[in-house]
Amino acid sequence: MAAAKSRSASTSRPKSKSKSKSKSKSQSKSTLRLPPLVESELNPAQEKLLASMRSTPRGGALSLGGPFGCYMHAPEIGEPIQQLAAYCRFKTRLPKRLSEFAILAIGRIWKSQYEFHVHAREGEAAGIKPETIRDLKAGRAPQKAPRDERALYDFIMELHRKQRVSNRNYARVQKLLGDGGMVELLAIMGSYTTTCMVLNTFRVPLPAGATPPFTEPKV
């Protein structure tokens, strides 16, 4: 009987070990892929980039969370990336509501947890209706959104689905934004596509306590 107990205990141990391995694997999928950086240990190029980012309207409270810590690993390219992002976010000629709408649409296309979480708040503060944000989050066309937001939505979705834009959708947005605004809209879309790719590829975690907006795609 003692031998039977011994055999039973020995056969149960591998199962426990297997669960531990499975948990470890699951946890590894949610962790940042880049080595985390400590501000006090940054090299001169990284310190210069951090100072540059803090000199923008993001302010001195900017931390190494989000995409910013990722850029620190390649400060030479990180600088022009963050400069473009800062222009698109703070200086574009587009009304704040429309620029944030475009950013949210890109965040939804990429299912970028961090990007959508941050800009859902920014967008609502800029005047985007909560119902519209819920529609974008769910992948639905925002049928009750204002005409200008619906025009941007159709333009952005068509460009991503077909890699081309019809005359009709182009004309709708060009009438709203003008030629220069069209260029800036595409810059916003490109800049935040880069941000979403950085966030998704390096598995940048959400701020503590935040709920992911989307079900994480399996890879």
C-alpha atoms as a PDB file:
ATOM      1  CA  MET A   1       0.000   0.000   0.000  1.00  0.00           C
ATOM      2  CA  ALA A   2       2.901   2.331   0.796  1.00  0.00           C
ATOM      3  CA  ALA A   3       4.341   1.522  -2.621  1.00  0.00           C
ATOM      4  CA  ALA A   4       1.024   2.386  -4.247  1.00  0.00           C
ATOM      5  CA  LYS A   5       0.998   5.741  -2.449  1.00  0.00           C
ATOM      6  CA  SER A   6       4.548   6.383  -3.576  1.00  0.00           C
ATOM      7  CA  ARG A   7       3.654   5.643  -7.189  1.00  0.00           C
ATOM      8  CA  SER A   8       0.587   7.868  -6.951  1.00  0.00           C
ATOM      9  CA  ALA A   9       2.638  10.775  -5.574  1.00  0.00           C
ATOM     10  CA  SER A  10       5.306  10.357  -8.213  1.00  0.00           C
ATOM     11  CA  THR A  11       2.780  10.388 -11.050  1.00  0.00           C
ATOM     12  CA  SER A  12       1.107  13.542  -9.745  1.00  0.00           C
ATOM     13  CA  ARG A  13       4.303  15.602  -9.621  1.00  0.00           C
ATOM     14  CA  PRO A  14       4.837  15.971 -13.391  1.00  0.00           C
ATOM     15  CA  LYS A  15       1.304  17.344 -13.740  1.00  0.00           C
ATOM     16  CA  SER A  16       2.079  20.078 -11.213  1.00  0.00           C
ATOM     17  CA  LYS A  17       5.323  20.838 -13.018  1.00  0.00           C
ATOM     18  CA  SER A  18       3.480  20.998 -16.355  1.00  0.00           C
ATOM     19  CA  LYS A  19       1.008  23.523 -14.961  1.00  0.00           C
ATOM     20  CA  SER A  20       3.878  25.628 -13.699  1.00  0.00           C
ATOM     21  CA  LYS A  21       5.496  25.599 -17.131  1.00  0.00           C
ATOM     22  CA  SER A  22       2.189  26.504 -18.773  1.00  0.00           C
ATOM     23  CA  LYS A  23       1.693  29.438 -16.392  1.00  0.00           C
ATOM     24  CA  SER A  24       5.218  30.646 -17.006  1.00  0.00           C
ATOM     25  CA  LYS A  25       4.695  30.510 -20.770  1.00  0.00           C
ATOM     26  CA  SER A  26       1.426  32.423 -20.486  1.00  0.00           C
ATOM     27  CA  GLN A  27       3.048  35.098 -18.338  1.00  0.00           C
ATOM     28  CA  SER A  28       5.941  35.498 -20.760  1.00  0.00           C
ATOM     29  CA  LYS A  29       3.506  36.426 -23.537  1.00  0.00           C
ATOM     30  CA  SER A  30       2.340  39.463 -21.602  1.00  0.00           C
ATOM     31  CA  THR A  31       5.738  40.859 -20.662  1.00  0.00           C
ATOM     32  CA  LEU A  32       7.774  43.547 -22.367  1.00  0.00           C
ATOM     33  CA  ARG A  33      10.201  42.072 -24.871  1.00  0.00           C
ATOM     34  CA  LEU A  34      12.781  44.824 -24.499  1.00  0.00           C
ATOM     35  CA  PRO A  35      14.963  45.142 -21.414  1.00  0.00           C
ATOM     36  CA  PRO A  36      13.416  47.757 -19.092  1.00  0.00           C
ATOM     37  CA  LEU A  37      15.487  50.894 -18.611  1.00  0.00           C
ATOM     38  CA  VAL A  38      16.141  52.930 -15.485  1.00  0.00           C
ATOM     39  CA  GLU A  39      16.396  56.691 -15.919  1.00  0.00           C
ATOM     40  CA  SER A  40      19.478  56.963 -13.685  1.00  0.00           C
ATOM     41  CA  GLU A  41      21.327  54.488 -15.936  1.00  0.00           C
ATOM     42  CA  LEU A  42      20.632  56.063 -19.337  1.00  0.00           C
ATOM     43  CA  ASN A  43      23.579  56.806 -21.600  1.00  0.00           C
ATOM     44  CA  PRO A  44      24.100  60.347 -23.008  1.00  0.00           C
ATOM     45  CA  ALA A  45      22.167  59.668 -26.240  1.00  0.00           C
ATOM     46  CA  GLN A  46      19.228  58.294 -24.262  1.00  0.00           C
ATOM     47  CA  GLU A  47      19.311  61.203 -21.818  1.00  0.00           C
ATOM     48  CA  LYS A  48      19.220  63.616 -24.747  1.00  0.00           C
ATOM     49  CA  LEU A  49      16.188  61.848 -26.236  1.00  0.00           C
ATOM     50  CA  LEU A  50      14.359  61.855 -22.907  1.00  0.00           C
ATOM     51  CA  ALA A  51      15.011  65.572 -22.470  1.00  0.00           C
ATOM     52  CA  SER A  52      13.749  66.206 -26.002  1.00  0.00           C
ATOM     53  CA  MET A  53      10.536  64.296 -25.368  1.00  0.00           C
ATOM     54  CA  ARG A  54       9.961  66.139 -22.110  1.00  0.00           C
ATOM     55  CA  SER A  55      10.420  69.487 -23.857  1.00  0.00           C
ATOM     56  CA  THR A  56       7.252  68.821 -25.879  1.00  0.00           C
ATOM     57  CA  PRO A  57       3.745  69.400 -24.480  1.00  0.00           C
ATOM     58  CA  ARG A  58       3.995  65.871 -23.023  1.00  0.00           C
ATOM     59  CA  GLY A  59       5.875  67.592 -20.196  1.00  0.00           C
ATOM     60  CA  GLY A  60       8.470  66.733 -17.598  1.00  0.00           C
ATOM     61  CA  ALA A  61       6.358  63.988 -16.061  1.00  0.00           C
ATOM     62  CA  LEU A  62       6.867  61.778 -19.123  1.00  0.00           C
ATOM     63  CA  SER A  63       8.201  58.401 -18.019  1.00  0.00           C
ATOM     64  CA  LEU A  64       9.837  55.465 -19.758  1.00  0.00           C
ATOM     65  CA  GLY A  65       6.499  53.684 -20.050  1.00  0.00           C
ATOM     66  CA  GLY A  66       4.463  53.286 -23.220  1.00  0.00           C
ATOM     67  CA  PRO A  67       6.337  53.572 -26.511  1.00  0.00           C
ATOM     68  CA  PHE A  68       8.869  56.036 -25.108  1.00  0.00           C
ATOM     69  CA  GLY A  69      10.979  53.424 -23.347  1.00  0.00           C
ATOM     70  CA  CYS A  70      11.131  51.462 -26.602  1.00  0.00           C
ATOM     71  CA  TYR A  71      12.543  54.427 -28.510  1.00  0.00           C
ATOM     72  CA  MET A  72      15.331  54.671 -25.928  1.00  0.00           C
ATOM     73  CA  HIS A  73      16.869  51.495 -27.314  1.00  0.00           C
ATOM     74  CA  ALA A  74      17.506  53.289 -30.627  1.00  0.00           C
ATOM     75  CA  PRO A  75      17.641  57.001 -29.743  1.00  0.00           C
ATOM     76  CA  GLU A  76      18.882  58.074 -33.182  1.00  0.00           C
ATOM     77  CA  ILE A  77      15.648  56.919 -34.851  1.00  0.00           C
ATOM     78  CA  GLY A  78      13.635  57.477 -31.686  1.00  0.00           C
ATOM     79  CA  GLU A  79      14.153  61.234 -31.929  1.00  0.00           C
ATOM     80  CA  PRO A  80      12.563  61.788 -35.378  1.00  0.00           C
ATOM     81  CA  ILE A  81       9.796  59.284 -34.551  1.00  0.00           C
ATOM     82  CA  GLN A  82       8.831  61.120 -31.374  1.00  0.00           C
ATOM     83  CA  GLN A  83       9.116  64.530 -33.042  1.00  0.00           C
ATOM     84  CA  LEU A  84       6.649  63.489 -35.750  1.00  0.00           C
ATOM     85  CA  ALA A  85       4.318  61.982 -33.151  1.00  0.00           C
ATOM     86  CA  ALA A  86       4.469  65.160 -31.049  1.00  0.00           C
ATOM     87  CA  TYR A  87       3.646  67.315 -34.085  1.00  0.00           C
ATOM     88  CA  CYS A  88       0.752  65.059 -35.077  1.00  0.00           C
ATOM     89  CA  ARG A  89      -0.639  65.071 -31.560  1.00  0.00           C
ATOM     90  CA  PHE A  90      -0.131  68.674 -30.507  1.00  0.00           C
ATOM     91  CA  LYS A  91       0.454  70.882 -33.562  1.00  0.00           C
ATOM     92  CA  THR A  92      -1.587  69.477 -36.444  1.00  0.00           C
ATOM     93  CA  ARG A  93      -3.985  71.796 -38.235  1.00  0.00           C
ATOM     94  CA  LEU A  94      -6.732  69.186 -37.810  1.00  0.00           C
ATOM     95  CA  PRO A  95      -9.231  69.911 -35.037  1.00  0.00           C
ATOM     96  CA  LYS A  96      -8.281  67.963 -31.923  1.00  0.00           C
ATOM     97  CA  ARG A  97     -11.484  65.935 -32.114  1.00  0.00           C
ATOM     98  CA  LEU A  98     -10.713  64.745 -35.638  1.00  0.00           C
ATOM     99  CA  SER A  99      -7.044  64.002 -35.018  1.00  0.00           C
ATOM    100  CA  GLU A 100      -7.975  61.937 -31.965  1.00  0.00           C
ATOM    101  CA  PHE A 101     -10.671  60.179 -33.981  1.00  0.00           C
ATOM    102  CA  ALA A 102      -8.080  59.206 -36.591  1.00  0.00           C
ATOM    103  CA  ILE A 103      -5.707  57.968 -33.863  1.00  0.00           C
ATOM    104  CA  LEU A 104      -8.471  55.836 -32.334  1.00  0.00           C
ATOM    105  CA  ALA A 105      -9.363  54.381 -35.727  1.00  0.00           C
ATOM    106  CA  ILE A 106      -5.727  53.377 -36.261  1.00  0.00           C
ATOM    107  CA  GLY A 107      -5.554  51.970 -32.731  1.00  0.00           C
ATOM    108  CA  ARG A 108      -8.600  49.812 -33.468  1.00  0.00           C
ATOM    109  CA  ILE A 109      -7.216  48.560 -36.776  1.00  0.00           C
ATOM    110  CA  TRP A 110      -4.078  47.398 -34.973  1.00  0.00           C
ATOM    111  CA  LYS A 111      -5.942  46.331 -31.818  1.00  0.00           C
ATOM    112  CA  SER A 112      -3.286  48.249 -29.918  1.00  0.00           C
ATOM    113  CA  GLN A 113      -4.280  47.935 -26.281  1.00  0.00           C
ATOM    114  CA  TYR A 114      -2.093  50.756 -24.969  1.00  0.00           C
ATOM    115  CA  GLU A 115      -2.837  53.173 -27.808  1.00  0.00           C
ATOM    116  CA  PHE A 116      -6.601  52.783 -27.641  1.00  0.00           C
ATOM    117  CA  HIS A 117      -6.661  52.915 -23.841  1.00  0.00           C
ATOM    118  CA  VAL A 118      -4.784  56.234 -23.751  1.00  0.00           C
ATOM    119  CA  HIS A 119      -6.551  57.913 -26.652  1.00  0.00           C
ATOM    120  CA  ALA A 120     -10.065  56.841 -25.659  1.00  0.00           C
ATOM    121  CA  ARG A 121      -9.691  59.299 -22.777  1.00  0.00           C
ATOM    122  CA  GLU A 122      -8.026  61.912 -24.983  1.00  0.00           C
ATOM    123  CA  GLY A 123     -10.710  61.530 -27.633  1.00  0.00           C
ATOM    124  CA  GLU A 124     -13.612  61.870 -25.235  1.00  0.00           C
ATOM    125  CA  ALA A 125     -12.012  64.961 -23.701  1.00  0.00           C
ATOM    126  CA  ALA A 126     -11.701  66.407 -27.221  1.00  0.00           C
ATOM    127  CA  GLY A 127     -15.409  65.917 -27.898  1.00  0.00           C
ATOM    128  CA  ILE A 128     -15.781  62.432 -29.377  1.00  0.00           C
ATOM    129  CA  LYS A 129     -18.994  60.879 -28.107  1.00  0.00           C
ATOM    130  CA  PRO A 130     -18.630  57.879 -25.768  1.00  0.00           C
ATOM    131  CA  GLU A 131     -20.983  55.929 -28.049  1.00  0.00           C
ATOM    132  CA  THR A 132     -18.650  56.555 -30.985  1.00  0.00           C
ATOM    133  CA  ILE A 133     -15.666  55.323 -28.977  1.00  0.00           C
ATOM    134  CA  ARG A 134     -17.629  52.189 -28.021  1.00  0.00           C
ATOM    135  CA  ASP A 135     -18.448  51.572 -31.693  1.00  0.00           C
ATOM    136  CA  LEU A 136     -14.799  51.917 -32.701  1.00  0.00           C
ATOM    137  CA  LYS A 137     -13.724  49.624 -29.881  1.00  0.00           C
ATOM    138  CA  ALA A 138     -16.226  46.991 -31.039  1.00  0.00           C
ATOM    139  CA  GLY A 139     -15.142  47.310 -34.676  1.00  0.00           C
ATOM    140  CA  ARG A 140     -18.431  48.860 -35.756  1.00  0.00           C
ATOM    141  CA  ALA A 141     -18.887  51.800 -38.104  1.00  0.00           C
ATOM    142  CA  PRO A 142     -19.923  54.764 -35.914  1.00  0.00           C
ATOM    143  CA  GLN A 143     -23.274  55.380 -37.587  1.00  0.00           C
ATOM    144  CA  LYS A 144     -24.386  58.062 -35.102  1.00  0.00           C
ATOM    145  CA  ALA A 145     -21.113  60.006 -35.200  1.00  0.00           C
ATOM    146  CA  PRO A 146     -21.012  63.460 -36.825  1.00  0.00           C
ATOM    147  CA  ARG A 147     -20.590  63.561 -40.594  1.00  0.00           C
ATOM    148  CA  ASP A 148     -16.969  64.650 -40.450  1.00  0.00           C
ATOM    149  CA  GLU A 149     -16.014  61.694 -38.230  1.00  0.00           C
ATOM    150  CA  ARG A 150     -17.913  59.271 -40.486  1.00  0.00           C
ATOM    151  CA  ALA A 151     -16.092  60.676 -43.509  1.00  0.00           C
ATOM    152  CA  LEU A 152     -12.720  60.107 -41.809  1.00  0.00           C
ATOM    153  CA  TYR A 153     -13.776  56.605 -40.780  1.00  0.00           C
ATOM    154  CA  ASP A 154     -14.717  55.604 -44.329  1.00  0.00           C
ATOM    155  CA  PHE A 155     -11.496  57.094 -45.702  1.00  0.00           C
ATOM    156  CA  ILE A 156      -9.249  55.357 -43.147  1.00  0.00           C
ATOM    157  CA  MET A 157     -10.987  51.986 -43.426  1.00  0.00           C
ATOM    158  CA  GLU A 158     -10.989  52.001 -47.226  1.00  0.00           C
ATOM    159  CA  LEU A 159      -7.317  52.928 -47.398  1.00  0.00           C
ATOM    160  CA  HIS A 160      -6.369  50.091 -45.050  1.00  0.00           C
ATOM    161  CA  ARG A 161      -8.610  47.493 -46.658  1.00  0.00           C
ATOM    162  CA  LYS A 162      -7.894  48.305 -50.301  1.00  0.00           C
ATOM    163  CA  GLN A 163      -4.617  50.267 -50.108  1.00  0.00           C
ATOM    164  CA  ARG A 164      -6.382  52.820 -52.309  1.00  0.00           C
ATOM    165  CA  VAL A 165      -9.019  55.540 -51.797  1.00  0.00           C
ATOM    166  CA  SER A 166     -12.037  56.125 -54.007  1.00  0.00           C
ATOM    167  CA  ASN A 167     -12.731  59.554 -55.488  1.00  0.00           C
ATOM    168  CA  ARG A 168     -15.864  59.789 -53.364  1.00  0.00           C
ATOM    169  CA  ASN A 169     -14.156  59.176 -50.023  1.00  0.00           C
ATOM    170  CA  TYR A 170     -11.205  61.363 -50.965  1.00  0.00           C
ATOM    171  CA  ALA A 171     -13.497  64.256 -51.907  1.00  0.00           C
ATOM    172  CA  ARG A 172     -15.489  63.988 -48.664  1.00  0.00           C
ATOM    173  CA  VAL A 173     -12.375  64.349 -46.508  1.00  0.00           C
ATOM    174  CA  GLN A 174     -10.615  66.875 -48.753  1.00  0.00           C
ATOM    175  CA  LYS A 175     -13.664  69.127 -48.494  1.00  0.00           C
ATOM    176  CA  LEU A 176     -13.299  69.014 -44.703  1.00  0.00           C
ATOM    177  CA  LEU A 177      -9.534  69.347 -44.356  1.00  0.00           C
ATOM    178  CA  GLY A 178      -8.169  70.932 -47.528  1.00  0.00           C
ATOM    179  CA  ASP A 179      -5.046  69.748 -49.317  1.00  0.00           C
ATOM    180  CA  GLY A 180      -2.662  70.457 -46.453  1.00  0.00           C
ATOM    181  CA  GLY A 181      -4.998  68.771 -44.021  1.00  0.00           C
ATOM    182  CA  MET A 182      -5.049  65.670 -46.205  1.00  0.00           C
ATOM    183  CA  VAL A 183      -1.260  65.454 -45.980  1.00  0.00           C
ATOM    184  CA  GLU A 184      -1.375  65.882 -42.214  1.00  0.00           C
ATOM    185  CA  LEU A 185      -4.115  63.271 -41.824  1.00  0.00           C
ATOM    186  CA  LEU A 186      -1.932  60.733 -43.618  1.00  0.00           C
ATOM    187  CA  ALA A 187       1.021  61.751 -41.427  1.00  0.00           C
ATOM    188  CA  ILE A 188      -1.092  61.149 -38.300  1.00  0.00           C
ATOM    189  CA  MET A 189      -2.169  57.768 -39.596  1.00  0.00           C
ATOM    190  CA  GLY A 190       1.404  56.793 -40.460  1.00  0.00           C
ATOM    191  CA  SER A 191       2.867  58.070 -37.207  1.00  0.00           C
ATOM    192  CA  TYR A 192       0.367  56.234 -35.040  1.00  0.00           C
ATOM    193  CA  THR A 193       0.638  53.099 -37.146  1.00  0.00           C
ATOM    194  CA  THR A 194       4.328  53.108 -36.231  1.00  0.00           C
ATOM    195  CA  THR A 195       3.425  53.634 -32.582  1.00  0.00           C
ATOM    196  CA  CYS A 196       0.944  50.746 -32.658  1.00  0.00           C
ATOM    197  CA  MET A 197       3.494  48.442 -34.285  1.00  0.00           C
ATOM    198  CA  VAL A 198       6.051  49.337 -31.607  1.00  0.00           C
ATOM    199  CA  LEU A 199       3.558  48.782 -28.790  1.00  0.00           C
ATOM    200  CA  ASN A 200       2.288  45.476 -30.194  1.00  0.00           C
ATOM    201  CA  THR A 201       5.627  44.025 -31.256  1.00  0.00           C
ATOM    202  CA  PHE A 202       7.371  44.730 -27.964  1.00  0.00           C
ATOM    203  CA  ARG A 203       4.283  43.820 -25.916  1.00  0.00           C
ATOM    204  CA  VAL A 204       4.269  47.069 -23.989  1.00  0.00           C
ATOM    205  CA  PRO A 205       2.014  46.579 -20.950  1.00  0.00           C
ATOM    206  CA  LEU A 206      -0.925  48.788 -20.100  1.00  0.00           C
ATOM    207  CA  PRO A 207      -0.659  51.147 -17.138  1.00  0.00           C
ATOM    208  CA  ALA A 208      -1.224  49.385 -13.822  1.00  0.00           C
ATOM    209  CA  GLY A 209      -4.890  48.637 -13.189  1.00  0.00           C
ATOM    210  CA  ALA A 210      -6.024  49.337 -16.776  1.00  0.00           C
ATOM    211  CA  THR A 211      -8.367  46.918 -18.540  1.00  0.00           C
ATOM    212  CA  PRO A 212      -7.394  45.877 -22.091  1.00  0.00           C
ATOM    213  CA  PRO A 213      -9.871  47.316 -24.614  1.00  0.00           C
ATOM    214  CA  PHE A 214      -9.650  44.257 -26.876  1.00  0.00           C
ATOM    215  CA  THR A 215      -9.370  40.505 -26.660  1.00  0.00           C
ATOM    216  CA  GLU A 216      -5.705  39.854 -27.317  1.00  0.00           C
ATOM    217  CA  PRO A 217      -5.222  38.123 -30.699  1.00  0.00           C
ATOM    218  CA  LYS A 218      -3.588  34.704 -30.578  1.00  0.00           C
ATOM    219  CA  VAL A 219      -0.212  34.354 -32.311  1.00  0.00           C
END
